[in-house]
Amino acid sequence: MLASVAQRVIVIAFLGLLFFWSTTVSAGQFAPETKVVAQLYKNHGWMALTAQHALFGEGLRSESKLDLEKYFAPDLAGLFVADAACVVRERGICHLDFDPLFASQDPCVTDLEVRYLSSGKVSVQFKDPVTNETTQILFELGIIRGEWKITDILYRRPAPFFLKEMLSRPAPKG
């Protein structure tokens, strides 16, 4: 009888830990910040699947400020739009010479994961199928007019830099 009581206690403790662990993971996976970043990749991550940009579009580079503000803070959305205008004006690359979702000029990825880190911090990690190299991009978010919006993106390669800082530099002169 003592053995069956001990077994029940162990099973109950195990189920309790399993429940605690699963609710902790679920809470992080579905945090509002995570949903914003996941939706951005859902709607614009196709860039890593095709080289037919003429058929599918140019992704974030061709979006209006209004469309960008679905995901990004107004100031960051404005910097994207300003860079796109600079590209047209200068007929070449201005600040953004890579896809901001993949930190690559020619994105091709596998095993993409969006993870909640802490309030206002979300990580996106993926692998390059050719080199098997892992890339991690960190998203910073803030609440703007009652909604979570991406306020900046931190890239770690080749050296750490923030997207907002890069886009805020004076426009290059052609």
C-alpha atoms as a PDB file:
ATOM      1  CA  MET A   1       0.000   0.000   0.000  1.00  0.00           C
ATOM      2  CA  LEU A   2       2.850   2.391   0.834  1.00  0.00           C
ATOM      3  CA  ALA A   3       4.388   1.755  -2.598  1.00  0.00           C
ATOM      4  CA  SER A   4       1.129   2.676  -4.384  1.00  0.00           C
ATOM      5  CA  VAL A   5       0.820   5.912  -2.335  1.00  0.00           C
ATOM      6  CA  ALA A   6       4.415   6.800  -3.235  1.00  0.00           C
ATOM      7  CA  GLN A   7       3.702   6.059  -6.904  1.00  0.00           C
ATOM      8  CA  ARG A   8       0.628   8.307  -6.812  1.00  0.00           C
ATOM      9  CA  VAL A   9       2.602  11.132  -5.212  1.00  0.00           C
ATOM     10  CA  ILE A  10       5.306  10.799  -7.865  1.00  0.00           C
ATOM     11  CA  VAL A  11       2.723  10.756 -10.685  1.00  0.00           C
ATOM     12  CA  ILE A  12       0.897  13.785  -9.244  1.00  0.00           C
ATOM     13  CA  ALA A  13       4.178  15.672  -8.807  1.00  0.00           C
ATOM     14  CA  PHE A  14       5.230  14.800 -12.369  1.00  0.00           C
ATOM     15  CA  LEU A  15       1.860  15.940 -13.787  1.00  0.00           C
ATOM     16  CA  GLY A  16       2.093  19.143 -11.764  1.00  0.00           C
ATOM     17  CA  LEU A  17       5.552  19.891 -13.140  1.00  0.00           C
ATOM     18  CA  LEU A  18       4.410  19.017 -16.647  1.00  0.00           C
ATOM     19  CA  PHE A  19       1.410  21.353 -16.326  1.00  0.00           C
ATOM     20  CA  PHE A  20       3.590  24.172 -14.935  1.00  0.00           C
ATOM     21  CA  TRP A  21       6.182  23.733 -17.675  1.00  0.00           C
ATOM     22  CA  SER A  22       3.612  23.609 -20.496  1.00  0.00           C
ATOM     23  CA  THR A  23       1.729  26.698 -19.293  1.00  0.00           C
ATOM     24  CA  THR A  24       4.994  28.620 -18.925  1.00  0.00           C
ATOM     25  CA  VAL A  25       6.029  27.701 -22.478  1.00  0.00           C
ATOM     26  CA  SER A  26       2.575  28.441 -23.898  1.00  0.00           C
ATOM     27  CA  ALA A  27       2.405  31.827 -22.223  1.00  0.00           C
ATOM     28  CA  GLY A  28       5.700  32.826 -23.840  1.00  0.00           C
ATOM     29  CA  GLN A  29       4.911  31.388 -27.248  1.00  0.00           C
ATOM     30  CA  PHE A  30       1.700  33.332 -27.561  1.00  0.00           C
ATOM     31  CA  ALA A  31       2.670  36.603 -25.920  1.00  0.00           C
ATOM     32  CA  PRO A  32       1.340  39.587 -27.895  1.00  0.00           C
ATOM     33  CA  GLU A  33       4.878  40.643 -28.835  1.00  0.00           C
ATOM     34  CA  THR A  34       5.554  37.199 -30.278  1.00  0.00           C
ATOM     35  CA  LYS A  35       2.368  37.359 -32.345  1.00  0.00           C
ATOM     36  CA  VAL A  36       3.426  40.671 -33.942  1.00  0.00           C
ATOM     37  CA  VAL A  37       6.792  39.277 -35.046  1.00  0.00           C
ATOM     38  CA  ALA A  38       5.271  35.952 -36.145  1.00  0.00           C
ATOM     39  CA  GLN A  39       2.661  37.788 -38.249  1.00  0.00           C
ATOM     40  CA  LEU A  40       5.415  39.860 -39.868  1.00  0.00           C
ATOM     41  CA  TYR A  41       7.221  36.673 -40.916  1.00  0.00           C
ATOM     42  CA  LYS A  42       3.979  35.006 -41.974  1.00  0.00           C
ATOM     43  CA  ASN A  43       3.147  37.904 -44.290  1.00  0.00           C
ATOM     44  CA  HIS A  44       6.651  38.738 -45.524  1.00  0.00           C
ATOM     45  CA  GLY A  45       8.809  35.662 -44.913  1.00  0.00           C
ATOM     46  CA  TRP A  46       8.119  34.334 -48.395  1.00  0.00           C
ATOM     47  CA  MET A  47      11.225  36.273 -49.479  1.00  0.00           C
ATOM     48  CA  ALA A  48      13.287  33.317 -48.218  1.00  0.00           C
ATOM     49  CA  LEU A  49      11.308  30.885 -50.379  1.00  0.00           C
ATOM     50  CA  THR A  50      11.582  32.347 -53.858  1.00  0.00           C
ATOM     51  CA  ALA A  51      13.924  34.229 -56.128  1.00  0.00           C
ATOM     52  CA  GLN A  52      10.992  35.406 -58.289  1.00  0.00           C
ATOM     53  CA  HIS A  53      10.716  38.870 -56.812  1.00  0.00           C
ATOM     54  CA  ALA A  54       9.193  40.205 -60.032  1.00  0.00           C
ATOM     55  CA  LEU A  55       6.277  37.823 -59.470  1.00  0.00           C
ATOM     56  CA  PHE A  56       5.933  38.109 -55.684  1.00  0.00           C
ATOM     57  CA  GLY A  57       7.114  41.684 -54.998  1.00  0.00           C
ATOM     58  CA  GLU A  58       9.937  43.300 -53.120  1.00  0.00           C
ATOM     59  CA  GLY A  59       8.703  42.596 -49.610  1.00  0.00           C
ATOM     60  CA  LEU A  60       9.132  45.220 -46.914  1.00  0.00           C
ATOM     61  CA  ARG A  61      11.020  47.528 -49.255  1.00  0.00           C
ATOM     62  CA  SER A  62       7.915  48.113 -51.339  1.00  0.00           C
ATOM     63  CA  GLU A  63       5.380  48.510 -48.506  1.00  0.00           C
ATOM     64  CA  SER A  64       3.661  51.800 -47.716  1.00  0.00           C
ATOM     65  CA  LYS A  65       4.171  53.496 -44.363  1.00  0.00           C
ATOM     66  CA  LEU A  66       0.616  52.572 -43.414  1.00  0.00           C
ATOM     67  CA  ASP A  67       1.267  48.877 -44.116  1.00  0.00           C
ATOM     68  CA  LEU A  68       4.604  48.961 -42.295  1.00  0.00           C
ATOM     69  CA  GLU A  69       2.918  50.495 -39.241  1.00  0.00           C
ATOM     70  CA  LYS A  70       0.955  47.260 -38.807  1.00  0.00           C
ATOM     71  CA  TYR A  71       4.192  45.835 -37.384  1.00  0.00           C
ATOM     72  CA  PHE A  72       6.605  48.715 -36.794  1.00  0.00           C
ATOM     73  CA  ALA A  73       6.568  51.857 -34.666  1.00  0.00           C
ATOM     74  CA  PRO A  74       5.791  54.948 -36.805  1.00  0.00           C
ATOM     75  CA  ASP A  75       9.351  56.296 -36.603  1.00  0.00           C
ATOM     76  CA  LEU A  76      10.880  52.995 -37.751  1.00  0.00           C
ATOM     77  CA  ALA A  77       8.267  52.638 -40.500  1.00  0.00           C
ATOM     78  CA  GLY A  78       9.159  56.159 -41.615  1.00  0.00           C
ATOM     79  CA  LEU A  79      12.841  55.216 -41.799  1.00  0.00           C
ATOM     80  CA  PHE A  80      11.979  52.247 -44.047  1.00  0.00           C
ATOM     81  CA  VAL A  81       9.988  54.544 -46.344  1.00  0.00           C
ATOM     82  CA  ALA A  82      12.770  57.151 -46.374  1.00  0.00           C
ATOM     83  CA  ASP A  83      15.312  54.490 -47.345  1.00  0.00           C
ATOM     84  CA  ALA A  84      13.057  53.251 -50.160  1.00  0.00           C
ATOM     85  CA  ALA A  85      12.729  56.844 -51.434  1.00  0.00           C
ATOM     86  CA  CYS A  86      16.517  57.224 -51.248  1.00  0.00           C
ATOM     87  CA  VAL A  87      16.954  54.085 -53.379  1.00  0.00           C
ATOM     88  CA  VAL A  88      14.714  55.591 -56.067  1.00  0.00           C
ATOM     89  CA  ARG A  89      16.358  59.026 -55.844  1.00  0.00           C
ATOM     90  CA  GLU A  90      19.930  57.707 -55.857  1.00  0.00           C
ATOM     91  CA  ARG A  91      19.205  54.792 -58.212  1.00  0.00           C
ATOM     92  CA  GLY A  92      21.119  52.459 -55.944  1.00  0.00           C
ATOM     93  CA  ILE A  93      21.514  51.141 -52.439  1.00  0.00           C
ATOM     94  CA  CYS A  94      21.190  53.654 -49.616  1.00  0.00           C
ATOM     95  CA  HIS A  95      21.277  52.133 -46.127  1.00  0.00           C
ATOM     96  CA  LEU A  96      19.441  48.857 -46.426  1.00  0.00           C
ATOM     97  CA  ASP A  97      21.404  46.410 -48.588  1.00  0.00           C
ATOM     98  CA  PHE A  98      19.873  43.253 -47.039  1.00  0.00           C
ATOM     99  CA  ASP A  99      16.493  41.801 -46.205  1.00  0.00           C
ATOM    100  CA  PRO A 100      15.788  43.009 -42.652  1.00  0.00           C
ATOM    101  CA  LEU A 101      13.872  39.850 -41.735  1.00  0.00           C
ATOM    102  CA  PHE A 102      16.745  37.537 -42.594  1.00  0.00           C
ATOM    103  CA  ALA A 103      19.893  39.686 -42.309  1.00  0.00           C
ATOM    104  CA  SER A 104      20.802  38.492 -45.788  1.00  0.00           C
ATOM    105  CA  GLN A 105      20.873  39.760 -49.352  1.00  0.00           C
ATOM    106  CA  ASP A 106      19.617  36.438 -50.710  1.00  0.00           C
ATOM    107  CA  PRO A 107      17.655  34.825 -47.885  1.00  0.00           C
ATOM    108  CA  CYS A 108      17.101  31.085 -47.850  1.00  0.00           C
ATOM    109  CA  VAL A 109      16.321  29.600 -44.441  1.00  0.00           C
ATOM    110  CA  THR A 110      15.080  26.531 -42.585  1.00  0.00           C
ATOM    111  CA  ASP A 111      13.987  25.835 -39.015  1.00  0.00           C
ATOM    112  CA  LEU A 112      12.688  29.346 -38.351  1.00  0.00           C
ATOM    113  CA  GLU A 113      11.619  29.830 -34.719  1.00  0.00           C
ATOM    114  CA  VAL A 114      10.021  32.868 -33.100  1.00  0.00           C
ATOM    115  CA  ARG A 115      10.585  32.958 -29.336  1.00  0.00           C
ATOM    116  CA  TYR A 116       9.393  35.211 -26.553  1.00  0.00           C
ATOM    117  CA  LEU A 117      12.364  36.288 -24.412  1.00  0.00           C
ATOM    118  CA  SER A 118      10.861  38.822 -22.024  1.00  0.00           C
ATOM    119  CA  SER A 119       8.459  41.725 -22.106  1.00  0.00           C
ATOM    120  CA  GLY A 120       9.242  43.670 -25.275  1.00  0.00           C
ATOM    121  CA  LYS A 121      11.908  41.205 -26.479  1.00  0.00           C
ATOM    122  CA  VAL A 122      11.425  38.530 -29.151  1.00  0.00           C
ATOM    123  CA  SER A 123      14.053  36.364 -30.822  1.00  0.00           C
ATOM    124  CA  VAL A 124      13.909  34.923 -34.328  1.00  0.00           C
ATOM    125  CA  GLN A 125      16.341  32.148 -35.102  1.00  0.00           C
ATOM    126  CA  PHE A 126      16.849  30.132 -38.276  1.00  0.00           C
ATOM    127  CA  LYS A 127      19.430  28.125 -40.190  1.00  0.00           C
ATOM    128  CA  ASP A 128      20.983  28.588 -43.591  1.00  0.00           C
ATOM    129  CA  PRO A 129      20.303  25.311 -45.459  1.00  0.00           C
ATOM    130  CA  VAL A 130      23.583  25.534 -47.374  1.00  0.00           C
ATOM    131  CA  THR A 131      26.033  26.377 -44.584  1.00  0.00           C
ATOM    132  CA  ASN A 132      23.878  25.098 -41.678  1.00  0.00           C
ATOM    133  CA  GLU A 133      24.865  28.331 -39.904  1.00  0.00           C
ATOM    134  CA  THR A 134      22.380  29.629 -37.309  1.00  0.00           C
ATOM    135  CA  THR A 135      21.323  33.271 -37.308  1.00  0.00           C
ATOM    136  CA  GLN A 136      19.545  35.004 -34.450  1.00  0.00           C
ATOM    137  CA  ILE A 137      17.809  38.358 -34.769  1.00  0.00           C
ATOM    138  CA  LEU A 138      16.471  40.195 -31.720  1.00  0.00           C
ATOM    139  CA  PHE A 139      13.342  42.319 -31.958  1.00  0.00           C
ATOM    140  CA  GLU A 140      12.585  45.083 -29.495  1.00  0.00           C
ATOM    141  CA  LEU A 141       8.932  46.036 -29.147  1.00  0.00           C
ATOM    142  CA  GLY A 142       6.993  48.707 -27.305  1.00  0.00           C
ATOM    143  CA  ILE A 143       3.356  49.566 -26.811  1.00  0.00           C
ATOM    144  CA  ILE A 144       2.270  52.347 -29.146  1.00  0.00           C
ATOM    145  CA  ARG A 145      -1.347  53.530 -29.069  1.00  0.00           C
ATOM    146  CA  GLY A 146      -2.259  50.379 -27.136  1.00  0.00           C
ATOM    147  CA  GLU A 147      -0.599  47.875 -29.507  1.00  0.00           C
ATOM    148  CA  TRP A 148       2.769  46.130 -29.528  1.00  0.00           C
ATOM    149  CA  LYS A 149       4.975  47.434 -32.356  1.00  0.00           C
ATOM    150  CA  ILE A 150       8.561  46.682 -33.332  1.00  0.00           C
ATOM    151  CA  THR A 151      10.715  49.622 -32.252  1.00  0.00           C
ATOM    152  CA  ASP A 152      14.103  48.266 -33.327  1.00  0.00           C
ATOM    153  CA  ILE A 153      15.937  45.161 -34.523  1.00  0.00           C
ATOM    154  CA  LEU A 154      19.341  44.010 -33.297  1.00  0.00           C
ATOM    155  CA  TYR A 155      21.564  42.072 -35.686  1.00  0.00           C
ATOM    156  CA  ARG A 156      24.646  40.331 -34.350  1.00  0.00           C
ATOM    157  CA  ARG A 157      26.681  39.817 -37.510  1.00  0.00           C
ATOM    158  CA  PRO A 158      29.134  40.819 -38.764  1.00  0.00           C
ATOM    159  CA  ALA A 159      29.282  43.050 -35.667  1.00  0.00           C
ATOM    160  CA  PRO A 160      26.262  43.937 -33.515  1.00  0.00           C
ATOM    161  CA  PHE A 161      24.180  46.826 -34.849  1.00  0.00           C
ATOM    162  CA  PHE A 162      20.668  48.185 -34.535  1.00  0.00           C
ATOM    163  CA  LEU A 163      18.507  48.709 -37.616  1.00  0.00           C
ATOM    164  CA  LYS A 164      17.144  52.054 -36.434  1.00  0.00           C
ATOM    165  CA  GLU A 165      20.630  53.473 -35.926  1.00  0.00           C
ATOM    166  CA  MET A 166      21.701  52.302 -39.385  1.00  0.00           C
ATOM    167  CA  LEU A 167      18.615  53.762 -41.093  1.00  0.00           C
ATOM    168  CA  SER A 168      18.982  57.067 -39.183  1.00  0.00           C
ATOM    169  CA  ARG A 169      22.395  57.893 -40.602  1.00  0.00           C
ATOM    170  CA  PRO A 170      22.583  60.673 -43.179  1.00  0.00           C
ATOM    171  CA  ALA A 171      21.639  59.468 -46.646  1.00  0.00           C
ATOM    172  CA  PRO A 172      24.608  58.631 -48.851  1.00  0.00           C
ATOM    173  CA  LYS A 173      25.334  61.093 -51.641  1.00  0.00           C
ATOM    174  CA  GLY A 174      25.353  59.542 -55.107  1.00  0.00           C
END
